[in-house]
Amino acid sequence: MNPSHRIVVVGAGIGGLTAAALLARRGYSVLVLDQALVPGGCASTFKRQGFTFDVGATQVAGLEPGGIHHRIFADLDLELPPATPCDPACAVFLPGETTPISVWRDPERWRQERQRQFPGSEPFWRFLADLFQAGWEFQGRDPVLPPRSLWDFWQLFQAVRPDTLLTLPHTFSTVEDALRGYGLASDRRLKTFLDLQLKLYSQVDAAATALLYAATALSVSQSPRGLFHLQGSLQTLSDRLVAALERDGGRLLMRHTVEQIQVEQGRATGIVIRNQKTGQIWTEPADQVIANVTVQNLVQLLGDQVPVGYAHRVEKLPPASSAFVVYLGVDQTAIPANCPPHLQFLYDYEGPIGENNSLFVSVSHPGDGRAPAGRATITASSFTDPAAWERCADYEVLKQQYTETAIARLGQYFHLTEETICHQEAATPRSFQRFTGRDRGIVGGIGMRVSTFGPFGFANRTPIPGLWLVGDSTHPGEGTAGVSYSALTVVRQIEAGIHPQTSLCLYGSPHC
């Protein structure tokens, strides 16, 4: 390892900060740049009138012993931020129903809940549990997916065990395939519940989500793992990573836009930076560039240096979703007694999962640092098509319509009046594009379809030597745990020092 090895990280989201902190800990020279005001990306926060709102992500996986955040924070010699398990992880309300489907953390309680809610479905859930156990143990052995070098293939080979073979026949299966196999394809309530949950975690519904991804997404909320609610806000995660980065000699520059990734003789050699405050533009050389951006943004940063096959694959991706989010600061009297921390509502079976027909809602707890005493925060998000916001005739009118509809629907569960609402504002795809820099404001990655998951996804090792990809566009997908795992994988690959010319392509083209 060369302590003077220069590494530039584009983007201070959780994936970028994790990679940067780990590399600084190992003695590399690390510079992180981000165009936003605060680090954290979609897991950052903002404050209004004493309320603290999580911008996007509101819950965290991987804090349990052996979980990815637990492993990384131990590596960095950091204390994990205080957190409480979400129990239930989510309370799901289907159309016309007043009793939710509660996804309990206790495995036995969750088994009893789903047997009551979906009679006859238990063989399907046991099948998912078996796939999850095999997949979880495989992932815990740190395979590199998708592999792009001989070293990557060796890591993958070492992670395989006999139980891993259980997953292989289902590599090309979707959740809907499994439902058909168990005679459950016509169970509307079960299918709708799965569509709602999977849309949160994979960006697509049961018909499209890769079965092996879904097995993890639908099981990770149960003990001894779980989803966690951070004390204070999601910002504490990025703040501690920044502290570790700077403690170990790394640098972070906010309000600096990366205009271009430079490529010379086929290798990434640095970046072009613009200081947003002064307008100064300069070139920062680098031995390695780590891009914590979407694949769409990566193509834009490369310009005419992007490999043709890579650009073509990105262009052919199905349209990604963005989000419409309402942030409410309310009096505590607006919150029903025993309100779960996370809720999901679908209002009409015939409508889409999104566009305000469904809402994912996060509610603060008394004393969790997100609201003054006697008050609370409500964050409600709905998937939306970014193209509709790009071509709308009157943006402000559309935003107001979405806001009014969302608040009216939230009012069916919460006690929302002019007296109980202390603060309200909304974010649209345009908001996310402006504040996170993500192409068209898309959120949550590229969708965990069979064609984009695991061995078929976008690799951390790009076709350009010296250029790496972390974040929700690459394996294993979205969420703070997923992007942190992608960061750890890149760090391991850089540490291994594999010569870039050993990079391989699984798509039959040197430009994949």
Protein backbone atom coordinates (compact mmCIF):
# COMPACT_ATOMS: atom_id res chain seq x y z
CA MET A 1 0.00 0.00 0.00
CA ASN A 2 1.29 3.43 -0.95
CA PRO A 3 0.38 6.07 1.69
CA SER A 4 0.69 8.83 -0.92
CA HIS A 5 -1.81 7.16 -3.24
CA ARG A 6 -4.22 9.96 -4.23
CA ILE A 7 -7.92 9.12 -4.18
CA VAL A 8 -10.72 11.51 -5.08
CA VAL A 9 -14.31 10.67 -4.11
CA VAL A 10 -17.10 12.33 -6.06
CA GLY A 11 -20.15 12.63 -3.82
CA ALA A 12 -20.48 12.73 -0.02
CA GLY A 13 -23.40 10.36 0.29
CA ILE A 14 -23.12 7.46 2.74
CA GLY A 15 -21.40 5.27 0.13
CA GLY A 16 -18.80 7.90 -0.75
CA LEU A 17 -18.12 8.85 2.87
CA THR A 18 -17.77 5.21 3.89
CA ALA A 19 -15.25 4.48 1.13
CA ALA A 20 -13.36 7.69 1.92
CA ALA A 21 -13.20 7.08 5.68
CA LEU A 22 -12.04 3.48 5.24
CA LEU A 23 -9.33 4.49 2.77
CA ALA A 24 -8.13 7.38 4.94
CA ARG A 25 -7.95 4.93 7.85
CA ARG A 26 -5.62 2.82 5.71
CA GLY A 27 -3.31 5.74 5.03
CA TYR A 28 -4.41 6.87 1.58
CA SER A 29 -4.60 10.54 0.63
CA VAL A 30 -8.36 11.15 0.25
CA LEU A 31 -10.33 14.15 -0.98
CA VAL A 32 -14.15 14.10 -1.03
CA LEU A 33 -16.20 16.65 -2.97
CA ASP A 34 -19.92 17.33 -3.01
CA GLN A 35 -22.07 20.07 -4.51
CA ALA A 36 -24.53 20.15 -1.57
CA LEU A 37 -24.52 22.24 1.61
CA VAL A 38 -24.27 19.27 3.99
CA PRO A 39 -22.93 15.72 3.60
CA GLY A 40 -25.11 12.63 3.56
CA GLY A 41 -26.84 12.83 0.19
CA CYS A 42 -30.33 11.35 0.39
CA ALA A 43 -29.59 10.40 4.01
CA SER A 44 -29.03 13.98 5.12
CA THR A 45 -31.36 16.28 7.08
CA PHE A 46 -32.61 19.85 7.24
CA LYS A 47 -34.05 21.97 10.06
CA ARG A 48 -37.11 24.18 10.16
CA GLN A 49 -38.58 26.02 13.17
CA GLY A 50 -37.07 23.57 15.66
CA PHE A 51 -37.99 20.48 13.62
CA THR A 52 -35.37 18.16 12.08
CA PHE A 53 -36.44 16.32 8.93
CA ASP A 54 -34.70 13.37 7.29
CA VAL A 55 -34.48 14.28 3.62
CA GLY A 56 -35.07 10.82 2.18
CA ALA A 57 -33.95 7.72 4.08
CA THR A 58 -35.64 7.40 7.47
CA GLN A 59 -34.53 3.97 8.72
CA VAL A 60 -31.25 2.07 8.80
CA ALA A 61 -30.34 -1.61 8.54
CA GLY A 62 -27.02 -3.18 9.50
CA LEU A 63 -26.48 -1.78 13.02
CA GLU A 64 -26.75 -5.18 14.71
CA PRO A 65 -23.55 -7.10 15.64
CA GLY A 66 -22.09 -8.38 12.39
CA GLY A 67 -24.18 -5.95 10.32
CA ILE A 68 -22.43 -3.84 7.71
CA HIS A 69 -22.53 -0.57 9.69
CA HIS A 70 -21.40 -2.41 12.82
CA ARG A 71 -18.44 -3.88 10.91
CA ILE A 72 -17.45 -0.59 9.29
CA PHE A 73 -17.71 1.48 12.47
CA ALA A 74 -15.60 -1.10 14.31
CA ASP A 75 -13.00 -0.87 11.52
CA LEU A 76 -13.01 2.92 11.89
CA ASP A 77 -12.87 2.74 15.70
CA LEU A 78 -16.13 4.68 15.95
CA GLU A 79 -19.11 4.28 18.23
CA LEU A 80 -22.34 3.47 16.45
CA PRO A 81 -24.98 6.21 16.72
CA PRO A 82 -27.71 5.50 19.31
CA ALA A 83 -30.70 3.78 17.72
CA THR A 84 -33.82 1.80 18.59
CA PRO A 85 -35.20 -1.14 16.60
CA CYS A 86 -38.32 -0.41 14.56
CA ASP A 87 -41.02 -2.74 15.85
CA PRO A 88 -43.06 -3.13 13.81
CA ALA A 89 -40.73 -2.28 10.96
CA CYS A 90 -43.81 -1.10 9.07
CA ALA A 91 -47.58 -1.08 9.48
CA VAL A 92 -49.21 -1.52 6.07
CA PHE A 93 -52.79 -0.37 5.45
CA LEU A 94 -54.49 -1.79 2.37
CA PRO A 95 -57.45 0.01 0.72
CA GLY A 96 -60.56 0.19 2.90
CA GLU A 97 -58.87 -1.54 5.85
CA THR A 98 -58.39 0.03 9.29
CA THR A 99 -56.29 -2.76 10.80
CA PRO A 100 -52.74 -2.82 9.45
CA ILE A 101 -50.49 -5.67 8.44
CA SER A 102 -47.74 -5.25 11.02
CA VAL A 103 -44.26 -6.44 10.06
CA TRP A 104 -43.03 -7.42 13.53
CA ARG A 105 -39.36 -7.74 14.42
CA ASP A 106 -39.92 -10.90 16.44
CA PRO A 107 -39.90 -13.78 13.88
CA GLU A 108 -42.60 -15.79 15.64
CA ARG A 109 -44.90 -12.82 16.02
CA TRP A 110 -44.40 -11.98 12.33
CA ARG A 111 -45.15 -15.61 11.39
CA GLN A 112 -48.42 -15.50 13.31
CA GLU A 113 -49.30 -12.12 11.74
CA ARG A 114 -48.79 -13.28 8.16
CA GLN A 115 -50.65 -16.54 8.77
CA ARG A 116 -53.60 -14.51 10.02
CA GLN A 117 -53.37 -11.97 7.20
CA PHE A 118 -52.56 -14.36 4.33
CA PRO A 119 -53.96 -17.84 5.08
CA GLY A 120 -52.26 -20.62 3.13
CA SER A 121 -49.16 -18.59 2.28
CA GLU A 122 -46.76 -20.01 4.88
CA PRO A 123 -44.91 -22.38 2.47
CA PHE A 124 -44.07 -19.33 0.35
CA TRP A 125 -42.71 -17.45 3.37
CA ARG A 126 -40.67 -20.46 4.53
CA PHE A 127 -39.19 -20.68 1.03
CA LEU A 128 -38.20 -17.00 1.21
CA ALA A 129 -36.66 -17.59 4.65
CA ASP A 130 -34.51 -20.43 3.30
CA LEU A 131 -33.34 -18.31 0.38
CA PHE A 132 -32.63 -15.42 2.72
CA GLN A 133 -30.54 -17.51 5.11
CA ALA A 134 -28.42 -18.93 2.32
CA GLY A 135 -28.06 -15.55 0.62
CA TRP A 136 -27.29 -13.71 3.86
CA GLU A 137 -24.49 -16.09 4.80
CA PHE A 138 -23.11 -15.88 1.26
CA GLN A 139 -23.14 -12.06 1.35
CA GLY A 140 -21.51 -12.10 4.77
CA ARG A 141 -18.46 -13.79 3.22
CA ASP A 142 -17.86 -10.67 1.09
CA PRO A 143 -18.21 -11.88 -2.49
CA VAL A 144 -17.59 -9.36 -5.26
CA LEU A 145 -20.66 -9.02 -7.46
CA PRO A 146 -20.63 -8.68 -10.33
CA PRO A 147 -17.03 -9.88 -10.80
CA ARG A 148 -14.88 -8.05 -13.32
CA SER A 149 -11.36 -9.34 -12.58
CA LEU A 150 -9.63 -12.57 -11.69
CA TRP A 151 -9.34 -11.32 -8.10
CA ASP A 152 -13.09 -10.60 -8.06
CA PHE A 153 -13.83 -14.11 -9.29
CA TRP A 154 -11.60 -15.57 -6.59
CA GLN A 155 -13.47 -13.64 -3.89
CA LEU A 156 -16.75 -14.89 -5.33
CA PHE A 157 -15.51 -18.47 -5.44
CA GLN A 158 -14.33 -18.32 -1.83
CA ALA A 159 -17.77 -17.14 -0.69
CA VAL A 160 -19.60 -20.11 -2.19
CA ARG A 161 -20.65 -22.95 0.13
CA PRO A 162 -22.95 -25.95 -0.42
CA ASP A 163 -25.92 -24.00 0.96
CA THR A 164 -25.30 -21.29 -1.67
CA LEU A 165 -26.38 -23.80 -4.30
CA LEU A 166 -29.95 -23.46 -2.97
CA THR A 167 -30.12 -20.01 -4.53
CA LEU A 168 -28.69 -20.85 -7.96
CA PRO A 169 -31.89 -22.30 -9.54
CA HIS A 170 -33.67 -19.03 -8.70
CA THR A 171 -31.12 -16.65 -10.21
CA PHE A 172 -33.50 -15.68 -13.00
CA SER A 173 -36.73 -15.81 -10.96
CA THR A 174 -38.94 -12.95 -9.84
CA VAL A 175 -41.21 -12.81 -6.80
CA GLU A 176 -44.21 -13.29 -9.07
CA ASP A 177 -42.66 -16.52 -10.37
CA ALA A 178 -42.49 -17.81 -6.81
CA LEU A 179 -46.09 -16.77 -6.11
CA ARG A 180 -47.22 -18.73 -9.14
CA GLY A 181 -45.18 -21.71 -8.00
CA TYR A 182 -47.01 -21.74 -4.68
CA GLY A 183 -50.43 -21.13 -6.19
CA LEU A 184 -50.70 -17.62 -4.73
CA ALA A 185 -50.69 -15.48 -7.87
CA SER A 186 -54.40 -14.71 -7.49
CA ASP A 187 -54.18 -13.62 -3.84
CA ARG A 188 -54.76 -9.89 -4.32
CA ARG A 189 -54.07 -8.86 -0.73
CA LEU A 190 -50.79 -10.75 -0.57
CA LYS A 191 -49.70 -9.55 -4.00
CA THR A 192 -50.55 -5.94 -3.12
CA PHE A 193 -48.73 -6.14 0.21
CA LEU A 194 -45.63 -7.48 -1.57
CA ASP A 195 -45.88 -4.83 -4.28
CA LEU A 196 -45.97 -2.08 -1.65
CA GLN A 197 -43.05 -3.41 0.39
CA LEU A 198 -40.90 -4.25 -2.61
CA LYS A 199 -41.46 -0.89 -4.23
CA LEU A 200 -39.89 0.64 -1.11
CA TYR A 201 -36.82 -1.56 -1.20
CA SER A 202 -36.30 -2.49 -4.85
CA GLN A 203 -38.08 0.33 -6.74
CA VAL A 204 -40.18 -2.22 -8.65
CA ASP A 205 -43.09 -4.52 -7.83
CA ALA A 206 -43.36 -8.28 -7.32
CA ALA A 207 -43.65 -8.93 -11.05
CA ALA A 208 -40.23 -7.40 -11.67
CA THR A 209 -38.20 -7.74 -8.46
CA ALA A 210 -35.48 -10.38 -8.50
CA LEU A 211 -36.51 -13.15 -6.10
CA LEU A 212 -33.08 -13.40 -4.44
CA TYR A 213 -33.08 -9.69 -3.67
CA ALA A 214 -36.64 -9.83 -2.35
CA ALA A 215 -35.79 -12.69 0.01
CA THR A 216 -33.40 -10.36 1.81
CA ALA A 217 -35.53 -7.21 1.57
CA LEU A 218 -38.56 -8.99 3.05
CA SER A 219 -36.64 -10.76 5.84
CA VAL A 220 -33.99 -8.34 7.06
CA SER A 221 -36.38 -6.54 9.42
CA GLN A 222 -36.66 -9.59 11.71
CA SER A 223 -34.44 -10.22 14.75
CA PRO A 224 -31.52 -10.75 15.23
CA ARG A 225 -31.25 -8.18 12.45
CA GLY A 226 -33.74 -5.38 12.00
CA LEU A 227 -34.45 -1.85 10.85
CA PHE A 228 -33.42 0.93 13.20
CA HIS A 229 -34.55 4.45 14.06
CA LEU A 230 -31.55 6.70 14.76
CA GLN A 231 -31.55 9.09 17.69
CA GLY A 232 -31.35 12.67 16.43
CA SER A 233 -31.53 12.05 12.69
CA LEU A 234 -29.96 10.12 9.82
CA GLN A 235 -27.36 12.91 9.72
CA THR A 236 -25.58 11.33 12.69
CA LEU A 237 -24.43 8.51 10.41
CA SER A 238 -22.70 10.82 7.93
CA ASP A 239 -21.42 13.13 10.66
CA ARG A 240 -19.52 10.28 12.30
CA LEU A 241 -18.08 9.15 8.98
CA VAL A 242 -16.91 12.71 8.29
CA ALA A 243 -15.30 12.84 11.74
CA ALA A 244 -13.42 9.62 11.01
CA LEU A 245 -12.34 10.85 7.58
CA GLU A 246 -10.92 14.10 8.94
CA ARG A 247 -9.36 12.42 11.99
CA ASP A 248 -7.34 10.22 9.63
CA GLY A 249 -6.20 13.07 7.39
CA GLY A 250 -8.89 13.04 4.71
CA ARG A 251 -10.51 16.22 3.40
CA LEU A 252 -14.12 17.07 2.60
CA LEU A 253 -15.12 20.03 0.44
CA MET A 254 -18.82 20.88 0.27
CA ARG A 255 -20.32 23.34 -2.26
CA HIS A 256 -17.82 22.11 -4.85
CA THR A 257 -19.23 20.74 -8.10
CA VAL A 258 -17.36 18.11 -10.07
CA GLU A 259 -17.75 19.16 -13.70
CA GLN A 260 -15.91 16.29 -15.35
CA ILE A 261 -14.00 13.08 -14.71
CA GLN A 262 -10.81 13.21 -16.75
CA VAL A 263 -9.66 10.19 -18.72
CA GLU A 264 -6.27 10.02 -20.42
CA GLN A 265 -5.04 7.06 -22.45
CA GLY A 266 -8.04 5.07 -21.28
CA ARG A 267 -7.49 5.64 -17.54
CA ALA A 268 -9.13 7.98 -15.02
CA THR A 269 -6.54 10.60 -14.04
CA GLY A 270 -8.47 13.26 -12.12
CA ILE A 271 -11.47 15.55 -12.01
CA VAL A 272 -12.41 19.10 -12.93
CA ILE A 273 -13.87 21.02 -9.97
CA ARG A 274 -15.83 24.26 -9.67
CA ASN A 275 -16.01 26.13 -6.38
CA GLN A 276 -19.66 27.24 -6.18
CA LYS A 277 -18.85 30.22 -3.97
CA THR A 278 -15.92 31.73 -5.90
CA GLY A 279 -16.48 30.26 -9.36
CA GLN A 280 -12.88 29.03 -9.43
CA ILE A 281 -12.32 26.01 -11.68
CA TRP A 282 -9.33 23.71 -11.36
CA THR A 283 -8.17 20.18 -12.06
CA GLU A 284 -7.44 17.75 -9.22
CA PRO A 285 -5.19 14.83 -10.22
CA ALA A 286 -5.96 11.38 -8.83
CA ASP A 287 -4.62 7.84 -8.99
CA GLN A 288 -8.12 6.51 -8.33
CA VAL A 289 -11.53 8.17 -8.67
CA ILE A 290 -14.52 6.82 -6.74
CA ALA A 291 -17.88 8.03 -8.03
CA ASN A 292 -20.70 8.00 -5.47
CA VAL A 293 -23.25 9.00 -8.12
CA THR A 294 -25.94 7.39 -10.21
CA VAL A 295 -24.84 5.59 -13.37
CA GLN A 296 -26.71 8.26 -15.32
CA ASN A 297 -24.62 10.98 -13.65
CA LEU A 298 -21.46 8.96 -14.21
CA VAL A 299 -22.08 8.87 -17.95
CA GLN A 300 -22.59 12.65 -17.95
CA LEU A 301 -19.37 13.24 -16.00
CA LEU A 302 -17.40 11.15 -18.49
CA GLY A 303 -18.80 12.94 -21.54
CA ASP A 304 -17.24 11.69 -24.77
CA GLN A 305 -14.84 9.51 -22.78
CA VAL A 306 -17.56 7.09 -21.69
CA PRO A 307 -17.20 3.61 -23.25
CA VAL A 308 -19.86 3.15 -25.92
CA GLY A 309 -21.22 -0.10 -24.53
CA TYR A 310 -21.51 1.32 -21.01
CA ALA A 311 -23.37 4.40 -22.24
CA HIS A 312 -25.69 2.23 -24.29
CA ARG A 313 -26.52 0.03 -21.30
CA VAL A 314 -27.33 3.04 -19.15
CA GLU A 315 -29.46 4.53 -21.90
CA LYS A 316 -31.48 1.30 -22.14
CA LEU A 317 -32.31 1.17 -18.42
CA PRO A 318 -36.04 1.34 -17.64
CA PRO A 319 -37.14 4.79 -16.42
CA ALA A 320 -36.27 5.34 -12.76
CA SER A 321 -38.61 6.81 -10.17
CA SER A 322 -38.31 9.91 -8.09
CA ALA A 323 -40.31 10.98 -5.06
CA PHE A 324 -42.78 13.58 -3.92
CA VAL A 325 -42.34 14.19 -0.19
CA VAL A 326 -44.38 16.19 2.31
CA TYR A 327 -42.62 17.27 5.51
CA LEU A 328 -44.91 18.20 8.40
CA GLY A 329 -44.07 19.58 11.82
CA VAL A 330 -47.11 18.95 14.00
CA ASP A 331 -48.42 19.16 17.52
CA GLN A 332 -48.14 15.80 19.30
CA THR A 333 -51.96 15.67 19.50
CA ALA A 334 -51.98 15.04 15.74
CA ILE A 335 -50.35 11.62 16.28
CA PRO A 336 -52.66 8.71 17.20
CA ALA A 337 -51.84 6.74 20.34
CA ASN A 338 -49.42 3.84 19.79
CA CYS A 339 -48.58 5.09 16.30
CA PRO A 340 -45.93 2.89 14.62
CA PRO A 341 -42.74 4.65 13.51
CA HIS A 342 -43.28 3.71 9.87
CA LEU A 343 -46.54 3.24 8.00
CA GLN A 344 -47.54 2.50 4.45
CA PHE A 345 -50.92 3.34 2.94
CA LEU A 346 -52.51 2.29 -0.34
CA TYR A 347 -55.74 4.13 -1.08
CA ASP A 348 -57.07 2.44 -4.23
CA TYR A 349 -56.34 -1.06 -5.55
CA GLU A 350 -56.78 0.17 -9.13
CA GLY A 351 -54.36 3.07 -8.83
CA PRO A 352 -50.57 3.09 -9.11
CA ILE A 353 -48.12 2.51 -6.27
CA GLY A 354 -47.11 6.12 -6.17
CA GLU A 355 -48.48 9.47 -7.36
CA ASN A 356 -50.12 9.97 -3.93
CA ASN A 357 -52.18 6.77 -4.27
CA SER A 358 -49.67 5.25 -1.86
CA LEU A 359 -47.70 6.95 0.90
CA PHE A 360 -44.77 5.76 3.00
CA VAL A 361 -44.86 7.65 6.29
CA SER A 362 -42.25 8.07 9.02
CA VAL A 363 -43.18 9.56 12.39
CA SER A 364 -40.77 10.86 15.01
CA HIS A 365 -40.76 9.55 18.58
CA PRO A 366 -41.01 11.77 21.67
CA GLY A 367 -37.47 12.59 22.73
CA ASP A 368 -35.77 11.30 19.58
CA GLY A 369 -34.32 14.73 18.76
CA ARG A 370 -36.45 15.48 15.70
CA ALA A 371 -39.01 17.80 17.28
CA PRO A 372 -39.43 20.13 20.28
CA ALA A 373 -41.23 18.82 23.34
CA GLY A 374 -44.91 18.27 22.67
CA ARG A 375 -44.42 18.15 18.91
CA ALA A 376 -43.55 15.61 16.22
CA THR A 377 -42.50 15.28 12.61
CA ILE A 378 -44.35 13.44 9.85
CA THR A 379 -42.55 12.67 6.60
CA ALA A 380 -44.71 11.20 3.84
CA SER A 381 -43.30 10.16 0.47
CA SER A 382 -44.78 8.83 -2.72
CA PHE A 383 -43.09 7.59 -5.88
CA THR A 384 -43.59 9.81 -8.88
CA ASP A 385 -42.50 9.99 -12.50
CA PRO A 386 -39.81 12.69 -12.86
CA ALA A 387 -40.82 13.22 -16.50
CA ALA A 388 -44.24 14.49 -15.40
CA TRP A 389 -42.56 17.24 -13.39
CA GLU A 390 -40.24 18.15 -16.24
CA ARG A 391 -43.03 18.72 -18.74
CA CYS A 392 -45.76 20.12 -16.46
CA ALA A 393 -47.33 23.39 -17.60
CA ASP A 394 -47.30 25.00 -14.13
CA TYR A 395 -44.87 23.53 -11.62
CA GLU A 396 -46.15 25.42 -8.58
CA VAL A 397 -49.76 24.46 -9.29
CA LEU A 398 -48.84 20.78 -9.64
CA LYS A 399 -46.79 20.91 -6.44
CA GLN A 400 -49.70 22.46 -4.56
CA GLN A 401 -52.13 19.86 -5.89
CA TYR A 402 -49.86 17.02 -4.77
CA THR A 403 -49.37 18.64 -1.37
CA GLU A 404 -53.09 19.11 -0.76
CA THR A 405 -53.88 15.55 -1.83
CA ALA A 406 -51.17 14.07 0.37
CA ILE A 407 -52.23 16.05 3.44
CA ALA A 408 -55.89 15.17 2.87
CA ARG A 409 -55.03 11.49 2.73
CA LEU A 410 -52.77 11.69 5.75
CA GLY A 411 -55.68 13.32 7.52
CA GLN A 412 -57.57 10.03 7.31
CA TYR A 413 -55.15 8.64 9.93
CA PHE A 414 -53.56 11.66 11.60
CA HIS A 415 -55.45 14.55 13.21
CA LEU A 416 -54.32 17.30 10.85
CA THR A 417 -55.85 20.76 11.13
CA GLU A 418 -54.65 24.34 10.85
CA GLU A 419 -54.11 24.21 14.61
CA THR A 420 -52.09 20.98 14.71
CA ILE A 421 -49.90 21.64 11.64
CA CYS A 422 -47.05 23.91 12.74
CA HIS A 423 -44.92 23.67 9.60
CA GLN A 424 -45.31 22.15 6.15
CA GLU A 425 -43.27 22.01 2.96
CA ALA A 426 -42.83 19.66 0.07
CA ALA A 427 -40.07 18.32 -2.16
CA THR A 428 -40.42 17.17 -5.77
CA PRO A 429 -38.08 15.55 -8.30
CA ARG A 430 -36.86 19.06 -9.12
CA SER A 431 -36.00 19.56 -5.43
CA PHE A 432 -33.99 16.34 -5.27
CA GLN A 433 -32.20 17.19 -8.52
CA ARG A 434 -31.25 20.61 -7.17
CA PHE A 435 -30.11 19.57 -3.69
CA THR A 436 -28.63 16.11 -4.33
CA GLY A 437 -27.43 16.59 -7.91
CA ARG A 438 -28.95 13.26 -8.94
CA ASP A 439 -30.00 13.07 -12.57
CA ARG A 440 -33.64 14.24 -12.90
CA GLY A 441 -33.95 13.84 -9.12
CA ILE A 442 -34.25 10.05 -9.29
CA VAL A 443 -34.07 8.23 -5.96
CA GLY A 444 -33.42 4.71 -4.75
CA GLY A 445 -31.25 3.29 -7.50
CA ILE A 446 -32.01 1.60 -10.78
CA GLY A 447 -34.46 -1.11 -9.64
CA MET A 448 -33.60 -4.61 -8.50
CA ARG A 449 -34.77 -6.49 -11.55
CA VAL A 450 -33.12 -9.76 -12.55
CA SER A 451 -31.22 -7.87 -15.26
CA THR A 452 -29.72 -5.37 -12.80
CA PHE A 453 -29.21 -7.42 -9.63
CA GLY A 454 -26.19 -9.38 -8.41
CA PRO A 455 -24.14 -10.92 -11.23
CA PHE A 456 -26.06 -8.90 -13.83
CA GLY A 457 -25.80 -5.47 -12.22
CA PHE A 458 -23.38 -2.59 -12.66
CA ALA A 459 -19.98 -3.47 -11.23
CA ASN A 460 -17.99 -1.35 -8.81
CA ARG A 461 -15.08 -1.73 -11.21
CA THR A 462 -16.06 0.35 -14.24
CA PRO A 463 -14.65 -0.32 -17.73
CA ILE A 464 -12.25 2.62 -17.19
CA PRO A 465 -9.22 1.64 -15.09
CA GLY A 466 -8.90 3.76 -11.98
CA LEU A 467 -12.62 4.64 -11.91
CA TRP A 468 -14.96 3.01 -9.39
CA LEU A 469 -18.70 3.19 -8.75
CA VAL A 470 -20.36 3.08 -5.32
CA GLY A 471 -23.92 3.82 -4.28
CA ASP A 472 -27.38 2.57 -5.10
CA SER A 473 -26.70 1.93 -8.81
CA THR A 474 -24.44 -1.00 -7.98
CA HIS A 475 -24.63 -4.19 -5.91
CA PRO A 476 -26.31 -4.74 -3.51
CA GLY A 477 -28.66 -1.79 -4.12
CA GLU A 478 -30.26 1.03 -2.19
CA GLY A 479 -30.32 1.93 1.49
CA THR A 480 -27.50 2.95 3.79
CA ALA A 481 -26.54 -0.69 4.34
CA GLY A 482 -26.45 -1.45 0.62
CA VAL A 483 -24.36 1.56 -0.37
CA SER A 484 -21.99 0.95 2.56
CA TYR A 485 -21.43 -2.59 1.35
CA SER A 486 -20.59 -1.30 -2.13
CA ALA A 487 -18.06 1.07 -0.53
CA LEU A 488 -16.41 -1.74 1.42
CA THR A 489 -16.15 -3.79 -1.77
CA VAL A 490 -14.35 -0.95 -3.58
CA VAL A 491 -11.95 -0.45 -0.67
CA ARG A 492 -11.08 -4.15 -0.72
CA GLN A 493 -10.48 -4.05 -4.48
CA ILE A 494 -8.26 -0.96 -4.25
CA GLU A 495 -6.31 -2.49 -1.38
CA ALA A 496 -5.76 -5.64 -3.41
CA GLY A 497 -3.98 -3.49 -6.00
CA ILE A 498 -5.21 -5.50 -8.98
CA HIS A 499 -3.70 -4.22 -12.21
CA PRO A 500 -6.50 -2.60 -14.23
CA GLN A 501 -5.73 -4.60 -17.32
CA THR A 502 -7.00 -7.74 -15.59
CA SER A 503 -10.50 -6.29 -15.79
CA LEU A 504 -12.89 -8.59 -17.58
CA CYS A 505 -16.25 -8.13 -19.26
CA LEU A 506 -19.21 -10.47 -19.03
CA TYR A 507 -21.15 -8.89 -21.89
CA GLY A 508 -18.86 -9.77 -24.77
CA SER A 509 -17.58 -6.22 -25.35
CA PRO A 510 -14.47 -4.48 -24.06
CA HIS A 511 -16.61 -1.39 -23.50
CA CYS A 512 -19.16 -2.90 -21.12
